[in-house]
Amino acid sequence: MGKKATKSRVKYVCSACGYESPAFLGRCPECDAWGTLVETVVLPETPIAAAARGGSASLPVGMQRPEPLARISREGFQRIPLAIGEMNRVLGGGLVPGSLVLVGGDPGIGKSTLLLQVAALLAVEHGPVLYVSAEESPQQIKLRAERLNVAQDDLYVIAETDVETILAHAAALQPKLVVVDSIQTVALDSIASTAGSVTQVRESTAVLMRWAKTSQIPVLIVGHVTKEGAIAGPRVLEHMVDVVLYLEGDRFGQYRVLRGVKNRYGSTDEVGIFEMAGAGLLEVTNPSEAFLQERVTNAAGSTVAVTVEGTRPILVEVQALTSPTPYGTPRRTANGVDTNRLLLLTAVLSRRVGLALGDQDIFVNVVGGLKIAEPAADLAICTAVASAFKSVRVDPTAVCIGEVGLSGELRSVRDLDRRLLEAASLGFTRAIVPAALRRGRGRPPEGLELIRAVTVREAIAAALGEAT
């Protein structure tokens, strides 16, 4: 019998979760999404892979051999610092040579603007940078660069969609950085599917990743997002890259938040704050001051929360509004905080504090477009809702810090000393905090008075100037 022929075959891959099926299905059995299974061509297995699967593989001449970890040297393998400090913070100190970084965000949020600024500034300090656009012509990029005032001789631009041609230009130029905008619009000629398909996105990313690792040149790629806010293409795309960054914010607002959701070389807790201006994205080095600059201190329903993003404490204004509902079921609308968390806190206010919120629509908003996920903002949300319901303003010199339990108790939070120091530096003189502070924590800075509360009822009374 002759040996088995290696032919390509077809399978169907879910673009939402990566589930594979030999036949087409209307609904994915893994994630229950409809119409997401896409036809994918599986290329023939290479002779080396087939031999390895059979247990008889031999290493080709010149192939890299395993090396003991203790003998691997880091000499000449240093992070590449960027001139944009907020992006350095999110990356963990700069770009790692050979890393593949995926930047996602809504259309028009500023992804291409940010990466063009990064490319131009890096070209000034470190040498040539290759900017590849598969969506715009070089003339269009030139217009944006002139608006941003970042036109540089060492910033090379090319409009190309073929991945192999892109890497050929990169190999000839040997740049310090390659930017690909975007991964959904480039393709490999060897794959018989259109750009943006599951196979093209996965294989193009794999080719770019292998080239980045072998050349030790970092690659930044832009990723489109779906209407649900996830990176378009197979879910495996986020597992393949080294770093995943999301640029968030209201496209009609002035602030943008760069958040890391995956980072093999650093923390994912840090965020970078930018302000959208005519000259591009500008760093916001003091976000607390920026978020509070338009605060109205004599309005009911406004409270200041102190949240911590990574190692940085940020003061944000939490606004609340209550209104009698014209419907049978009151609405709970949250912007910047989790809706389920708002429902929980509303129940605590109703049962433990005695506020009659059963016939009230409640709206909560975090000013500036920042999303707060940590429970340390619970007390600020409760105080803002109570202030709006009673039409009594919160003490404008006070900040509220604390997690609220289901029994109405206040629980301690992490990094309280750092939060208090940031509040004092911005001129606040009172801080309402949990009474049960952790040992060695909660030493107030000079000029800041600590008001310790056991329950959320006591804390709200102190914030509104009521007698308990």
Protein backbone atom coordinates (compact mmCIF):
# COMPACT_ATOMS: atom_id res chain seq x y z
CA MET A 1 0.00 0.00 0.00
CA GLY A 2 1.28 3.47 -0.81
CA LYS A 3 1.64 6.11 1.83
CA LYS A 4 -1.36 8.25 2.69
CA ALA A 5 -1.68 11.42 0.61
CA THR A 6 -1.69 14.72 2.46
CA LYS A 7 -4.65 16.76 1.28
CA SER A 8 -6.27 19.85 2.64
CA ARG A 9 -9.60 19.43 4.36
CA VAL A 10 -12.41 21.70 5.50
CA LYS A 11 -13.68 22.27 9.02
CA TYR A 12 -15.97 24.83 10.59
CA VAL A 13 -14.67 27.09 13.36
CA CYS A 14 -16.78 29.30 15.65
CA SER A 15 -15.58 32.90 15.36
CA ALA A 16 -16.80 33.63 18.90
CA CYS A 17 -15.25 30.83 20.97
CA GLY A 18 -13.06 28.79 18.57
CA TYR A 19 -15.14 25.60 18.69
CA GLU A 20 -14.36 23.27 15.76
CA SER A 21 -16.86 21.07 13.92
CA PRO A 22 -16.43 18.80 10.86
CA ALA A 23 -19.85 19.93 9.57
CA PHE A 24 -21.70 23.22 9.47
CA LEU A 25 -24.00 23.97 12.41
CA GLY A 26 -26.43 26.84 12.69
CA ARG A 27 -25.71 27.30 16.41
CA CYS A 28 -22.41 26.71 18.16
CA PRO A 29 -22.86 23.95 20.79
CA GLU A 30 -20.07 25.48 22.92
CA CYS A 31 -21.19 29.14 23.28
CA ASP A 32 -24.75 28.93 21.84
CA ALA A 33 -24.04 31.71 19.32
CA TRP A 34 -25.98 31.60 16.05
CA GLY A 35 -24.36 31.87 12.62
CA THR A 36 -20.77 32.03 13.90
CA LEU A 37 -19.35 28.81 12.38
CA VAL A 38 -17.09 29.78 9.49
CA GLU A 39 -15.66 27.44 6.86
CA THR A 40 -11.92 26.99 7.37
CA VAL A 41 -9.38 25.17 5.20
CA VAL A 42 -6.90 22.99 7.11
CA LEU A 43 -3.54 22.92 5.38
CA PRO A 44 -1.65 19.61 4.87
CA GLU A 45 0.60 18.46 7.68
CA THR A 46 4.30 19.09 7.17
CA PRO A 47 6.71 16.11 7.04
CA ILE A 48 8.46 17.19 10.26
CA ALA A 49 5.14 17.47 12.14
CA ALA A 50 4.02 14.08 10.85
CA ALA A 51 7.31 12.48 11.90
CA ALA A 52 7.08 14.09 15.34
CA ARG A 53 3.56 12.79 15.77
CA GLY A 54 4.83 9.32 14.92
CA GLY A 55 7.69 9.56 17.39
CA SER A 56 10.50 9.45 14.82
CA ALA A 57 11.30 13.11 14.29
CA SER A 58 14.88 14.26 13.84
CA LEU A 59 15.95 17.87 14.27
CA PRO A 60 16.98 19.60 11.04
CA VAL A 61 20.51 20.96 10.81
CA GLY A 62 20.73 24.44 12.36
CA MET A 63 17.54 24.16 14.41
CA GLN A 64 17.69 25.74 17.87
CA ARG A 65 18.35 23.25 20.68
CA PRO A 66 16.93 23.41 24.21
CA GLU A 67 19.15 25.39 26.59
CA PRO A 68 19.30 25.34 30.41
CA LEU A 69 17.46 28.34 31.87
CA ALA A 70 20.38 29.21 34.14
CA ARG A 71 22.67 29.66 31.10
CA ILE A 72 20.35 31.99 29.19
CA SER A 73 21.72 35.53 29.20
CA ARG A 74 19.61 38.71 29.31
CA GLU A 75 22.44 40.81 27.93
CA GLY A 76 21.16 43.15 25.22
CA PHE A 77 17.55 42.19 25.98
CA GLN A 78 16.18 45.33 27.64
CA ARG A 79 12.77 46.97 27.45
CA ILE A 80 12.38 49.78 24.94
CA PRO A 81 11.05 52.79 26.88
CA LEU A 82 8.44 54.97 25.20
CA ALA A 83 8.18 58.74 25.41
CA ILE A 84 4.52 58.35 26.44
CA GLY A 85 4.64 57.65 30.17
CA GLU A 86 1.02 56.53 30.46
CA MET A 87 1.59 53.76 27.91
CA ASN A 88 4.84 52.79 29.64
CA ARG A 89 2.86 52.39 32.86
CA VAL A 90 0.35 50.00 31.26
CA LEU A 91 3.04 47.97 29.46
CA GLY A 92 5.06 47.60 32.66
CA GLY A 93 7.98 49.87 31.75
CA GLY A 94 8.18 49.76 27.96
CA LEU A 95 8.09 47.40 24.99
CA VAL A 96 9.80 44.02 25.36
CA PRO A 97 11.92 43.08 22.31
CA GLY A 98 10.15 40.43 20.24
CA SER A 99 6.78 40.98 21.90
CA LEU A 100 3.47 41.00 20.03
CA VAL A 101 1.04 43.62 21.40
CA LEU A 102 -2.65 43.73 20.41
CA VAL A 103 -4.48 47.07 20.82
CA GLY A 104 -8.28 46.98 20.58
CA GLY A 105 -11.08 49.51 20.98
CA ASP A 106 -14.27 50.87 19.48
CA PRO A 107 -14.18 52.57 16.06
CA GLY A 108 -13.09 56.18 16.33
CA ILE A 109 -11.79 55.83 19.89
CA GLY A 110 -8.23 56.79 18.88
CA LYS A 111 -6.30 53.53 18.37
CA SER A 112 -4.57 54.60 15.14
CA THR A 113 -3.88 58.07 16.56
CA LEU A 114 -2.20 56.64 19.66
CA LEU A 115 -0.06 54.15 17.73
CA LEU A 116 1.02 56.78 15.21
CA GLN A 117 2.15 58.98 18.10
CA VAL A 118 3.98 56.04 19.70
CA ALA A 119 5.68 55.16 16.39
CA ALA A 120 6.80 58.75 15.73
CA LEU A 121 8.18 59.35 19.22
CA LEU A 122 10.02 56.02 19.23
CA ALA A 123 11.51 56.83 15.82
CA VAL A 124 12.98 60.05 17.25
CA GLU A 125 14.71 58.33 20.16
CA HIS A 126 15.59 54.84 18.90
CA GLY A 127 15.70 54.76 15.10
CA PRO A 128 13.54 53.62 12.18
CA VAL A 129 9.95 52.49 12.71
CA LEU A 130 7.75 50.81 10.09
CA TYR A 131 4.06 51.79 10.11
CA VAL A 132 1.93 49.47 7.96
CA SER A 133 -1.60 50.56 7.11
CA ALA A 134 -3.94 48.18 5.33
CA GLU A 135 -6.85 50.62 5.61
CA GLU A 136 -5.42 54.01 4.62
CA SER A 137 -3.12 55.35 1.93
CA PRO A 138 0.25 56.90 2.82
CA GLN A 139 -1.19 60.32 1.89
CA GLN A 140 -4.00 59.92 4.41
CA ILE A 141 -1.52 58.94 7.12
CA LYS A 142 0.56 61.98 6.17
CA LEU A 143 -2.44 64.24 6.78
CA ARG A 144 -2.97 62.74 10.23
CA ALA A 145 0.73 63.01 11.05
CA GLU A 146 0.74 66.70 10.13
CA ARG A 147 -2.29 67.30 12.32
CA LEU A 148 -0.54 65.53 15.19
CA ASN A 149 2.77 67.25 14.34
CA VAL A 150 4.64 63.92 14.40
CA ALA A 151 6.08 63.74 10.87
CA GLN A 152 9.56 62.19 11.22
CA ASP A 153 12.23 61.08 8.73
CA ASP A 154 12.74 57.78 10.58
CA LEU A 155 9.03 56.93 10.47
CA TYR A 156 8.48 54.78 7.36
CA VAL A 157 4.93 54.27 6.06
CA ILE A 158 3.59 51.68 3.64
CA ALA A 159 0.07 50.71 2.56
CA GLU A 160 0.14 46.93 2.19
CA THR A 161 -2.20 44.02 2.89
CA ASP A 162 0.02 41.00 2.18
CA VAL A 163 1.73 39.73 5.33
CA GLU A 164 4.70 38.20 3.50
CA THR A 165 5.38 41.47 1.65
CA ILE A 166 5.14 43.38 4.93
CA LEU A 167 7.72 41.12 6.57
CA ALA A 168 9.99 41.39 3.54
CA HIS A 169 10.01 45.18 3.91
CA ALA A 170 10.57 44.84 7.66
CA ALA A 171 13.50 42.46 7.14
CA ALA A 172 15.11 44.91 4.73
CA LEU A 173 14.55 47.96 6.95
CA GLN A 174 15.32 46.29 10.31
CA PRO A 175 13.19 48.77 12.27
CA LYS A 176 12.97 49.15 16.02
CA LEU A 177 9.19 48.69 15.89
CA VAL A 178 6.54 47.48 13.43
CA VAL A 179 2.93 48.70 13.61
CA VAL A 180 0.23 46.81 11.67
CA ASP A 181 -3.12 48.58 11.33
CA SER A 182 -5.11 46.35 11.39
CA ILE A 183 -4.84 42.57 11.75
CA GLN A 184 -8.34 42.06 10.25
CA THR A 185 -7.34 43.69 6.95
CA VAL A 186 -4.08 41.85 6.20
CA ALA A 187 -3.90 38.36 4.70
CA LEU A 188 -1.65 35.54 3.52
CA ASP A 189 -1.79 34.59 -0.17
CA SER A 190 -1.22 30.94 0.71
CA ILE A 191 -4.61 30.73 2.43
CA ALA A 192 -7.71 30.59 0.25
CA SER A 193 -9.98 32.87 2.28
CA THR A 194 -10.65 36.57 2.50
CA ALA A 195 -8.99 38.99 4.89
CA GLY A 196 -10.77 39.12 8.24
CA SER A 197 -11.82 35.47 8.22
CA VAL A 198 -11.06 33.26 11.18
CA THR A 199 -8.26 31.44 9.37
CA GLN A 200 -6.64 34.58 7.98
CA VAL A 201 -6.65 36.40 11.32
CA ARG A 202 -5.23 33.41 13.18
CA GLU A 203 -2.55 32.49 10.64
CA SER A 204 -1.51 36.10 9.96
CA THR A 205 -1.07 36.64 13.70
CA ALA A 206 0.94 33.42 13.97
CA VAL A 207 3.29 34.51 11.16
CA LEU A 208 3.79 37.94 12.73
CA MET A 209 4.42 36.33 16.10
CA ARG A 210 7.08 33.97 14.75
CA TRP A 211 8.81 36.83 12.94
CA ALA A 212 8.78 39.02 16.07
CA LYS A 213 10.30 36.26 18.22
CA THR A 214 13.07 35.41 15.75
CA SER A 215 13.96 39.02 14.88
CA GLN A 216 13.54 40.37 18.44
CA ILE A 217 11.59 43.33 17.03
CA PRO A 218 8.33 44.25 18.83
CA VAL A 219 5.14 44.36 16.76
CA LEU A 220 2.03 46.37 17.59
CA ILE A 221 -1.17 45.27 15.88
CA VAL A 222 -4.57 46.95 15.89
CA GLY A 223 -7.63 44.75 16.39
CA HIS A 224 -11.20 45.62 15.48
CA VAL A 225 -13.88 44.90 18.07
CA THR A 226 -17.35 43.42 17.74
CA LYS A 227 -20.56 45.11 18.85
CA GLU A 228 -20.19 43.29 22.18
CA GLY A 229 -16.79 44.95 22.69
CA ALA A 230 -14.58 41.86 22.18
CA ILE A 231 -11.70 41.61 19.71
CA ALA A 232 -13.09 40.45 16.35
CA GLY A 233 -11.88 37.10 15.09
CA PRO A 234 -11.19 33.82 16.91
CA ARG A 235 -10.81 33.95 20.68
CA VAL A 236 -7.46 32.24 20.30
CA LEU A 237 -6.09 35.54 18.95
CA GLU A 238 -5.86 37.00 22.46
CA HIS A 239 -4.10 33.84 23.68
CA MET A 240 -1.48 34.04 20.94
CA VAL A 241 -0.25 37.58 21.61
CA ASP A 242 1.87 38.65 24.56
CA VAL A 243 -0.04 41.78 25.55
CA VAL A 244 -3.68 42.79 25.03
CA LEU A 245 -4.60 46.46 25.54
CA TYR A 246 -8.03 48.07 25.28
CA LEU A 247 -8.57 51.77 24.62
CA GLU A 248 -11.84 52.68 26.31
CA GLY A 249 -14.00 55.74 26.80
CA ASP A 250 -16.88 57.67 25.34
CA ARG A 251 -15.93 58.60 21.78
CA PHE A 252 -17.78 61.91 22.28
CA GLY A 253 -16.01 62.60 25.59
CA GLN A 254 -12.54 63.99 26.12
CA TYR A 255 -10.92 61.23 28.17
CA ARG A 256 -9.61 57.83 27.08
CA VAL A 257 -8.50 54.97 29.32
CA LEU A 258 -5.85 52.49 28.15
CA ARG A 259 -6.29 49.27 30.10
CA GLY A 260 -4.24 46.08 30.01
CA VAL A 261 -6.27 42.85 30.13
CA LYS A 262 -3.29 40.56 29.47
CA ASN A 263 0.42 41.16 29.97
CA ARG A 264 3.02 38.40 30.07
CA TYR A 265 5.69 40.88 31.15
CA GLY A 266 3.92 43.01 33.73
CA SER A 267 0.80 43.75 35.74
CA THR A 268 -2.69 44.03 34.26
CA ASP A 269 -3.90 46.35 37.03
CA GLU A 270 -2.43 49.58 35.65
CA VAL A 271 -4.33 52.03 33.45
CA GLY A 272 -3.20 54.98 31.36
CA ILE A 273 -5.32 58.14 31.16
CA PHE A 274 -5.35 60.30 28.03
CA GLU A 275 -7.21 63.38 26.90
CA MET A 276 -8.34 63.64 23.29
CA ALA A 277 -7.30 66.99 21.83
CA GLY A 278 -6.67 68.49 18.41
CA ALA A 279 -3.02 67.46 18.65
CA GLY A 280 -3.89 63.83 19.41
CA LEU A 281 -3.97 61.95 22.70
CA LEU A 282 -2.35 63.92 25.52
CA GLU A 283 -1.18 62.31 28.75
CA VAL A 284 -3.15 63.09 31.91
CA THR A 285 -0.50 62.90 34.61
CA ASN A 286 -2.90 63.89 37.41
CA PRO A 287 -6.20 62.16 36.57
CA SER A 288 -7.75 62.92 39.97
CA GLU A 289 -7.52 66.65 39.38
CA ALA A 290 -8.78 66.26 35.80
CA PHE A 291 -11.83 64.21 36.80
CA LEU A 292 -12.82 66.66 39.55
CA GLN A 293 -12.18 69.98 37.81
CA GLU A 294 -15.83 70.44 36.69
CA ARG A 295 -17.42 69.18 39.91
CA VAL A 296 -20.32 71.21 41.30
CA THR A 297 -19.87 71.12 45.09
CA ASN A 298 -23.31 72.41 46.09
CA ALA A 299 -25.37 69.82 44.18
CA ALA A 300 -27.10 66.88 45.85
CA GLY A 301 -26.17 63.43 44.63
CA SER A 302 -22.45 64.10 44.11
CA THR A 303 -19.78 62.18 46.06
CA VAL A 304 -16.03 61.70 45.64
CA ALA A 305 -14.71 58.14 45.62
CA VAL A 306 -11.05 57.13 45.87
CA THR A 307 -10.34 54.14 43.62
CA VAL A 308 -6.99 52.44 43.02
CA GLU A 309 -5.98 51.38 39.52
CA GLY A 310 -2.84 49.27 39.87
CA THR A 311 -0.54 51.39 42.04
CA ARG A 312 -2.24 54.70 41.30
CA PRO A 313 -5.04 56.15 43.49
CA ILE A 314 -7.57 58.14 41.46
CA LEU A 315 -10.27 60.42 42.83
CA VAL A 316 -13.46 60.40 40.75
CA GLU A 317 -16.84 62.00 41.12
CA VAL A 318 -19.79 59.63 41.51
CA GLN A 319 -23.14 61.18 40.62
CA ALA A 320 -26.58 59.80 41.41
CA LEU A 321 -30.11 60.85 40.57
CA THR A 322 -33.38 59.46 41.89
CA SER A 323 -36.79 60.14 40.43
CA PRO A 324 -40.29 58.70 41.04
CA THR A 325 -40.88 56.05 38.41
CA PRO A 326 -43.84 56.41 36.05
CA TYR A 327 -43.83 52.63 35.48
CA GLY A 328 -44.60 49.65 37.65
CA THR A 329 -40.98 48.50 37.85
CA PRO A 330 -38.32 51.12 38.71
CA ARG A 331 -35.20 51.35 36.55
CA ARG A 332 -31.62 51.00 37.73
CA THR A 333 -29.16 52.54 35.25
CA ALA A 334 -25.39 52.55 35.86
CA ASN A 335 -22.61 54.11 33.81
CA GLY A 336 -19.09 53.31 34.98
CA VAL A 337 -20.13 50.84 37.70
CA ASP A 338 -21.54 47.33 37.49
CA THR A 339 -25.33 47.31 37.27
CA ASN A 340 -25.58 44.21 39.47
CA ARG A 341 -23.50 45.97 42.12
CA LEU A 342 -25.89 48.93 41.99
CA LEU A 343 -28.84 46.58 42.49
CA LEU A 344 -27.13 45.05 45.53
CA LEU A 345 -26.35 48.45 47.08
CA THR A 346 -29.88 49.67 46.41
CA ALA A 347 -31.23 46.68 48.34
CA VAL A 348 -28.89 47.45 51.26
CA LEU A 349 -30.05 51.07 51.31
CA SER A 350 -33.67 49.96 51.34
CA ARG A 351 -33.39 47.26 54.02
CA ARG A 352 -30.53 48.45 56.25
CA VAL A 353 -30.74 52.23 55.96
CA GLY A 354 -34.50 52.55 55.57
CA LEU A 355 -34.64 54.54 52.33
CA ALA A 356 -37.88 54.00 50.40
CA LEU A 357 -36.35 53.38 47.00
CA GLY A 358 -38.93 50.85 45.78
CA ASP A 359 -40.73 53.43 43.63
CA GLN A 360 -37.65 55.37 42.52
CA ASP A 361 -35.71 55.23 39.27
CA ILE A 362 -31.99 55.35 40.15
CA PHE A 363 -29.25 56.57 37.83
CA VAL A 364 -25.55 56.42 38.76
CA ASN A 365 -22.70 57.84 36.68
CA VAL A 366 -18.92 57.96 37.11
CA VAL A 367 -17.72 61.26 35.65
CA GLY A 368 -14.91 61.10 33.09
CA GLY A 369 -15.65 57.72 31.52
CA LEU A 370 -13.68 55.65 34.06
CA LYS A 371 -15.07 52.21 34.91
CA ILE A 372 -14.87 51.30 38.61
CA ALA A 373 -14.82 47.59 39.41
CA GLU A 374 -13.44 47.50 42.96
CA PRO A 375 -15.84 47.44 45.94
CA ALA A 376 -14.03 50.32 47.69
CA ALA A 377 -16.40 52.68 45.83
CA ASP A 378 -19.50 51.10 47.44
CA LEU A 379 -19.77 53.75 50.15
CA ALA A 380 -19.47 56.60 47.63
CA ILE A 381 -22.27 55.10 45.51
CA CYS A 382 -24.54 54.62 48.54
CA THR A 383 -23.86 58.14 49.77
CA ALA A 384 -24.57 59.65 46.36
CA VAL A 385 -27.90 57.77 46.07
CA ALA A 386 -28.93 58.77 49.60
CA SER A 387 -27.95 62.38 48.94
CA ALA A 388 -30.01 62.50 45.73
CA PHE A 389 -33.01 60.84 47.40
CA LYS A 390 -32.99 63.25 50.38
CA SER A 391 -31.98 66.29 48.28
CA VAL A 392 -29.18 67.03 50.75
CA ARG A 393 -25.69 67.75 49.49
CA VAL A 394 -22.66 65.76 50.62
CA ASP A 395 -19.91 67.57 52.52
CA PRO A 396 -17.76 68.90 49.61
CA THR A 397 -14.55 68.51 51.65
CA ALA A 398 -15.11 64.78 52.30
CA VAL A 399 -14.23 61.60 50.42
CA CYS A 400 -15.96 58.26 50.99
CA ILE A 401 -13.99 55.00 51.12
CA GLY A 402 -15.30 51.57 52.05
CA GLU A 403 -16.88 48.32 50.96
CA VAL A 404 -20.51 47.76 51.94
CA GLY A 405 -21.63 44.32 53.14
CA LEU A 406 -25.11 42.83 52.90
CA SER A 407 -25.67 43.47 56.60
CA GLY A 408 -25.02 47.16 56.07
CA GLU A 409 -21.55 47.05 57.65
CA LEU A 410 -18.50 48.85 56.31
CA ARG A 411 -15.49 46.69 55.46
CA SER A 412 -11.86 47.76 55.14
CA VAL A 413 -10.17 48.14 51.76
CA ARG A 414 -6.61 47.79 50.49
CA ASP A 415 -4.11 50.64 50.07
CA LEU A 416 -6.00 52.95 52.42
CA ASP A 417 -2.88 54.97 53.31
CA ARG A 418 -2.23 55.68 49.64
CA ARG A 419 -5.84 56.72 49.07
CA LEU A 420 -5.80 59.10 52.02
CA LEU A 421 -2.54 60.69 50.89
CA GLU A 422 -3.98 61.37 47.43
CA ALA A 423 -7.15 62.88 48.93
CA ALA A 424 -5.14 65.16 51.21
CA SER A 425 -2.93 66.31 48.32
CA LEU A 426 -6.03 67.55 46.47
CA GLY A 427 -7.28 69.60 49.41
CA PHE A 428 -9.86 67.29 51.01
CA THR A 429 -10.01 67.63 54.80
CA ARG A 430 -12.32 64.75 55.82
CA ALA A 431 -12.37 61.05 54.93
CA ILE A 432 -15.22 58.72 55.88
CA VAL A 433 -13.70 55.27 56.29
CA PRO A 434 -14.57 51.90 57.89
CA ALA A 435 -14.06 51.75 61.66
CA ALA A 436 -12.43 48.31 61.49
CA LEU A 437 -9.15 49.37 59.88
CA ARG A 438 -6.43 46.83 59.32
CA ARG A 439 -3.53 46.96 61.74
CA GLY A 440 -1.00 49.61 60.85
CA ARG A 441 -3.29 51.16 58.24
CA GLY A 442 -5.25 54.36 58.06
CA ARG A 443 -2.75 56.83 59.54
CA PRO A 444 -4.19 60.13 58.31
CA PRO A 445 -1.93 62.64 56.55
CA GLU A 446 -1.60 66.06 58.11
CA GLY A 447 -4.76 68.12 57.70
CA LEU A 448 -7.04 65.14 56.97
CA GLU A 449 -9.61 64.11 59.58
CA LEU A 450 -10.71 60.47 59.69
CA ILE A 451 -14.36 59.77 60.42
CA ARG A 452 -14.73 56.09 61.28
CA ALA A 453 -18.11 54.48 60.70
CA VAL A 454 -19.23 50.97 61.59
CA THR A 455 -22.27 50.85 59.32
CA VAL A 456 -23.29 52.49 56.07
CA ARG A 457 -26.07 54.29 57.97
CA GLU A 458 -23.50 56.03 60.19
CA ALA A 459 -21.33 56.90 57.20
CA ILE A 460 -24.20 58.45 55.24
CA ALA A 461 -25.26 60.48 58.30
CA ALA A 462 -21.71 61.82 58.67
CA ALA A 463 -21.47 62.69 54.97
CA LEU A 464 -24.81 64.50 54.95
CA GLY A 465 -24.29 66.22 58.33
CA GLU A 466 -27.16 64.39 60.02
CA ALA A 467 -27.35 63.30 63.63
CA THR A 468 -27.21 59.54 64.16
